């Protein structure tokens, strides 16, 4: 895999890129928190793919 895909990325870098692409609002969520409290308890798939 290309080295550029292995480099860590920061929340600030994600937000900067999203704004550069035209996003008005950008947010970063904690994946563990989303897994612990799914949006839809009837369909509890989260960032971990469970």
C-alpha atoms as a PDB file:
ATOM      1  CA  UNK A   1       0.000   0.000   0.000  1.00  0.00           C
ATOM      2  CA  UNK A   2       1.235   3.503  -0.721  1.00  0.00           C
ATOM      3  CA  UNK A   3       2.968   5.211   2.195  1.00  0.00           C
ATOM      4  CA  UNK A   4       0.598   8.180   1.998  1.00  0.00           C
ATOM      5  CA  UNK A   5      -2.281   5.932   3.054  1.00  0.00           C
ATOM      6  CA  UNK A   6      -0.380   4.780   6.158  1.00  0.00           C
ATOM      7  CA  UNK A   7       0.315   8.255   7.537  1.00  0.00           C
ATOM      8  CA  UNK A   8      -1.738   9.334  10.560  1.00  0.00           C
ATOM      9  CA  UNK A   9      -4.288  12.054   9.950  1.00  0.00           C
ATOM     10  CA  UNK A  10      -5.468  14.661  12.417  1.00  0.00           C
ATOM     11  CA  UNK A  11      -8.961  15.974  13.037  1.00  0.00           C
ATOM     12  CA  UNK A  12      -7.738  19.416  12.006  1.00  0.00           C
ATOM     13  CA  UNK A  13      -6.524  18.048   8.657  1.00  0.00           C
ATOM     14  CA  UNK A  14      -9.885  16.362   8.031  1.00  0.00           C
ATOM     15  CA  UNK A  15     -11.760  19.557   8.895  1.00  0.00           C
ATOM     16  CA  UNK A  16      -9.474  21.681   6.717  1.00  0.00           C
ATOM     17  CA  UNK A  17      -9.965  19.379   3.708  1.00  0.00           C
ATOM     18  CA  UNK A  18     -13.735  19.225   4.211  1.00  0.00           C
ATOM     19  CA  UNK A  19     -13.946  23.016   4.344  1.00  0.00           C
ATOM     20  CA  UNK A  20     -11.743  23.285   1.248  1.00  0.00           C
ATOM     21  CA  UNK A  21     -14.242  21.011  -0.515  1.00  0.00           C
ATOM     22  CA  UNK A  22     -17.118  23.302   0.479  1.00  0.00           C
ATOM     23  CA  UNK A  23     -18.441  21.891   3.765  1.00  0.00           C
ATOM     24  CA  UNK A  24     -20.056  24.480   6.028  1.00  0.00           C
ATOM     25  CA  UNK A  25     -20.033  22.284   9.102  1.00  0.00           C
ATOM     26  CA  UNK A  26     -17.479  19.625  10.013  1.00  0.00           C
ATOM     27  CA  UNK A  27     -17.338  17.456  13.134  1.00  0.00           C
ATOM     28  CA  UNK A  28     -15.312  14.541  14.420  1.00  0.00           C
ATOM     29  CA  UNK A  29     -16.933  11.895  16.644  1.00  0.00           C
ATOM     30  CA  UNK A  30     -15.394   9.320  18.972  1.00  0.00           C
ATOM     31  CA  UNK A  31     -15.919   5.911  17.365  1.00  0.00           C
ATOM     32  CA  UNK A  32     -15.923   4.111  20.729  1.00  0.00           C
ATOM     33  CA  UNK A  33     -18.699   6.389  21.992  1.00  0.00           C
ATOM     34  CA  UNK A  34     -20.761   5.719  18.854  1.00  0.00           C
ATOM     35  CA  UNK A  35     -20.300   1.962  19.301  1.00  0.00           C
ATOM     36  CA  UNK A  36     -21.364   2.211  22.963  1.00  0.00           C
ATOM     37  CA  UNK A  37     -24.436   4.348  22.153  1.00  0.00           C
ATOM     38  CA  UNK A  38     -25.710   3.500  18.643  1.00  0.00           C
ATOM     39  CA  UNK A  39     -28.050   5.904  16.889  1.00  0.00           C
ATOM     40  CA  UNK A  40     -30.582   3.163  16.313  1.00  0.00           C
ATOM     41  CA  UNK A  41     -30.592   0.407  18.985  1.00  0.00           C
ATOM     42  CA  UNK A  42     -32.551  -1.815  16.570  1.00  0.00           C
ATOM     43  CA  UNK A  43     -29.612  -1.572  14.117  1.00  0.00           C
ATOM     44  CA  UNK A  44     -26.556  -1.107  16.338  1.00  0.00           C
ATOM     45  CA  UNK A  45     -23.871  -1.128  13.649  1.00  0.00           C
ATOM     46  CA  UNK A  46     -21.199   1.433  14.425  1.00  0.00           C
ATOM     47  CA  UNK A  47     -17.745   2.521  13.280  1.00  0.00           C
ATOM     48  CA  UNK A  48     -16.318  -0.879  14.174  1.00  0.00           C
ATOM     49  CA  UNK A  49     -18.817  -2.539  11.814  1.00  0.00           C
ATOM     50  CA  UNK A  50     -20.617  -4.571  14.475  1.00  0.00           C
END
